[in-house]
Amino acid sequence: MPRYFFHVREGSELTRDTEGQELANTEAARAEAISTGREMLGEKLLHGGRLNNRQIEIADETGHVVDTVSARDVLMHHGELRSYSDDVTQSAPVANIKNAPPR
């Protein structure tokens, strides 16, 4: 199984993944990068910072960058906000704004 490395680029600074992860293919590596990107965006939202300045560069065993995942890739899919099946907020009650009493 091929090994992929997930280097994090923030502006001109690059933090290299030296361990990598064995995954079936590039699509599985992209899914892993998007999952990691969700965690990173969550931390930025909690602690502050620019949301769109970080990218994850997916490199193969030879060091060649095979794909890049940005904050936009994490948040958007085909021009619409992404929905995740493990989104814990889906179980939260939703207010009906149309019928809410005026304040």
C-alpha atoms as a PDB file:
ATOM      1  CA  MET A   1       0.000   0.000   0.000  1.00  0.00           C
ATOM      2  CA  PRO A   2       1.435   3.435  -0.878  1.00  0.00           C
ATOM      3  CA  ARG A   3       2.471   5.909   1.811  1.00  0.00           C
ATOM      4  CA  TYR A   4       1.294   9.519   1.648  1.00  0.00           C
ATOM      5  CA  PHE A   5       2.667  12.500   3.544  1.00  0.00           C
ATOM      6  CA  PHE A   6       0.558  15.470   4.641  1.00  0.00           C
ATOM      7  CA  HIS A   7       2.695  18.612   4.689  1.00  0.00           C
ATOM      8  CA  VAL A   8       1.030  21.721   6.116  1.00  0.00           C
ATOM      9  CA  ARG A   9       1.766  25.012   4.375  1.00  0.00           C
ATOM     10  CA  GLU A  10       0.837  28.280   6.059  1.00  0.00           C
ATOM     11  CA  GLY A  11       1.963  31.187   3.916  1.00  0.00           C
ATOM     12  CA  SER A  12       5.626  30.584   3.122  1.00  0.00           C
ATOM     13  CA  GLU A  13       6.129  28.216   6.091  1.00  0.00           C
ATOM     14  CA  LEU A  14       6.018  24.470   5.428  1.00  0.00           C
ATOM     15  CA  THR A  15       5.719  21.865   8.180  1.00  0.00           C
ATOM     16  CA  ARG A  16       6.688  18.472   6.805  1.00  0.00           C
ATOM     17  CA  ASP A  17       4.993  15.222   7.785  1.00  0.00           C
ATOM     18  CA  THR A  18       7.892  12.814   8.346  1.00  0.00           C
ATOM     19  CA  GLU A  19       5.795   9.731   9.215  1.00  0.00           C
ATOM     20  CA  GLY A  20       3.120   9.649   6.555  1.00  0.00           C
ATOM     21  CA  GLN A  21       0.263   7.200   6.379  1.00  0.00           C
ATOM     22  CA  GLU A  22      -0.382   4.123   4.273  1.00  0.00           C
ATOM     23  CA  LEU A  23      -3.557   4.556   2.257  1.00  0.00           C
ATOM     24  CA  ALA A  24      -5.127   2.738  -0.674  1.00  0.00           C
ATOM     25  CA  ASN A  25      -4.829   5.547  -3.225  1.00  0.00           C
ATOM     26  CA  THR A  26      -4.745   9.307  -3.843  1.00  0.00           C
ATOM     27  CA  GLU A  27      -8.514   9.604  -3.319  1.00  0.00           C
ATOM     28  CA  ALA A  28      -8.187   8.075   0.157  1.00  0.00           C
ATOM     29  CA  ALA A  29      -5.295  10.454   0.877  1.00  0.00           C
ATOM     30  CA  ARG A  30      -7.439  13.422  -0.186  1.00  0.00           C
ATOM     31  CA  ALA A  31     -10.275  12.262   2.096  1.00  0.00           C
ATOM     32  CA  GLU A  32      -7.778  12.022   4.973  1.00  0.00           C
ATOM     33  CA  ALA A  33      -6.445  15.515   4.205  1.00  0.00           C
ATOM     34  CA  ILE A  34      -9.983  16.929   4.204  1.00  0.00           C
ATOM     35  CA  SER A  35     -10.656  15.276   7.560  1.00  0.00           C
ATOM     36  CA  THR A  36      -7.440  16.748   8.974  1.00  0.00           C
ATOM     37  CA  GLY A  37      -8.361  20.109   7.457  1.00  0.00           C
ATOM     38  CA  ARG A  38     -11.692  20.012   9.322  1.00  0.00           C
ATOM     39  CA  GLU A  39      -9.834  19.562  12.606  1.00  0.00           C
ATOM     40  CA  MET A  40      -7.424  22.378  11.794  1.00  0.00           C
ATOM     41  CA  LEU A  41     -10.239  24.754  10.826  1.00  0.00           C
ATOM     42  CA  GLY A  42     -12.068  23.888  14.046  1.00  0.00           C
ATOM     43  CA  GLU A  43      -8.984  24.821  16.063  1.00  0.00           C
ATOM     44  CA  LYS A  44      -8.642  28.099  14.152  1.00  0.00           C
ATOM     45  CA  LEU A  45     -12.299  28.918  14.813  1.00  0.00           C
ATOM     46  CA  LEU A  46     -11.894  28.219  18.525  1.00  0.00           C
ATOM     47  CA  HIS A  47      -8.592  30.007  19.008  1.00  0.00           C
ATOM     48  CA  GLY A  48      -8.632  32.635  16.263  1.00  0.00           C
ATOM     49  CA  GLY A  49      -6.555  33.098  13.176  1.00  0.00           C
ATOM     50  CA  ARG A  50      -6.934  33.271   9.439  1.00  0.00           C
ATOM     51  CA  LEU A  51      -8.986  30.441   8.025  1.00  0.00           C
ATOM     52  CA  ASN A  52      -7.894  30.567   4.408  1.00  0.00           C
ATOM     53  CA  ASN A  53      -4.126  30.762   4.785  1.00  0.00           C
ATOM     54  CA  ARG A  54      -3.405  27.061   5.346  1.00  0.00           C
ATOM     55  CA  GLN A  55      -3.092  24.229   2.842  1.00  0.00           C
ATOM     56  CA  ILE A  56      -2.309  20.549   3.155  1.00  0.00           C
ATOM     57  CA  GLU A  57       0.044  19.285   0.471  1.00  0.00           C
ATOM     58  CA  ILE A  58      -0.310  15.557  -0.139  1.00  0.00           C
ATOM     59  CA  ALA A  59       2.983  14.028  -1.249  1.00  0.00           C
ATOM     60  CA  ASP A  60       3.689  10.486  -2.380  1.00  0.00           C
ATOM     61  CA  GLU A  61       6.643   8.335  -1.332  1.00  0.00           C
ATOM     62  CA  THR A  62       8.904  10.040  -3.884  1.00  0.00           C
ATOM     63  CA  GLY A  63       8.127  13.475  -2.441  1.00  0.00           C
ATOM     64  CA  HIS A  64       6.002  14.532  -5.424  1.00  0.00           C
ATOM     65  CA  VAL A  65       2.957  16.626  -4.394  1.00  0.00           C
ATOM     66  CA  VAL A  66      -0.026  14.755  -5.847  1.00  0.00           C
ATOM     67  CA  ASP A  67      -2.777  17.023  -4.502  1.00  0.00           C
ATOM     68  CA  THR A  68      -3.386  20.076  -2.346  1.00  0.00           C
ATOM     69  CA  VAL A  69      -6.317  20.630   0.010  1.00  0.00           C
ATOM     70  CA  SER A  70      -7.250  24.177   1.011  1.00  0.00           C
ATOM     71  CA  ALA A  71      -9.766  25.538   3.515  1.00  0.00           C
ATOM     72  CA  ARG A  72     -12.127  26.082   0.588  1.00  0.00           C
ATOM     73  CA  ASP A  73     -11.899  22.368  -0.300  1.00  0.00           C
ATOM     74  CA  VAL A  74     -12.817  21.508   3.290  1.00  0.00           C
ATOM     75  CA  LEU A  75     -15.792  23.873   3.372  1.00  0.00           C
ATOM     76  CA  MET A  76     -17.121  23.642  -0.192  1.00  0.00           C
ATOM     77  CA  HIS A  77     -17.991  20.821  -2.598  1.00  0.00           C
ATOM     78  CA  HIS A  78     -19.198  21.555  -6.142  1.00  0.00           C
ATOM     79  CA  GLY A  79     -19.941  25.172  -5.218  1.00  0.00           C
ATOM     80  CA  GLU A  80     -22.035  24.362  -2.144  1.00  0.00           C
ATOM     81  CA  LEU A  81     -21.225  24.144   1.543  1.00  0.00           C
ATOM     82  CA  ARG A  82     -20.080  20.641   2.380  1.00  0.00           C
ATOM     83  CA  SER A  83     -22.201  18.384   4.533  1.00  0.00           C
ATOM     84  CA  TYR A  84     -20.530  15.673   6.588  1.00  0.00           C
ATOM     85  CA  SER A  85     -22.295  12.495   7.709  1.00  0.00           C
ATOM     86  CA  ASP A  86     -20.556  12.674  11.100  1.00  0.00           C
ATOM     87  CA  ASP A  87     -21.671  16.274  11.749  1.00  0.00           C
ATOM     88  CA  VAL A  88     -22.772  16.259  15.395  1.00  0.00           C
ATOM     89  CA  THR A  89     -24.723  19.494  14.909  1.00  0.00           C
ATOM     90  CA  GLN A  90     -27.252  17.626  12.733  1.00  0.00           C
ATOM     91  CA  SER A  91     -28.862  16.302  15.895  1.00  0.00           C
ATOM     92  CA  ALA A  92     -29.188  19.786  17.419  1.00  0.00           C
ATOM     93  CA  PRO A  93     -32.670  21.339  17.467  1.00  0.00           C
ATOM     94  CA  VAL A  94     -33.306  23.800  14.669  1.00  0.00           C
ATOM     95  CA  ALA A  95     -35.422  26.887  15.298  1.00  0.00           C
ATOM     96  CA  ASN A  96     -38.036  27.851  12.773  1.00  0.00           C
ATOM     97  CA  ILE A  97     -37.034  31.456  12.143  1.00  0.00           C
ATOM     98  CA  LYS A  98     -40.132  32.271  10.052  1.00  0.00           C
ATOM     99  CA  ASN A  99     -42.487  31.502  12.932  1.00  0.00           C
ATOM    100  CA  ALA A 100     -40.316  32.823  15.750  1.00  0.00           C
ATOM    101  CA  PRO A 101     -41.969  35.578  17.808  1.00  0.00           C
ATOM    102  CA  PRO A 102     -40.573  39.095  17.218  1.00  0.00           C
ATOM    103  CA  ARG A 103     -38.209  40.482  19.823  1.00  0.00           C
END
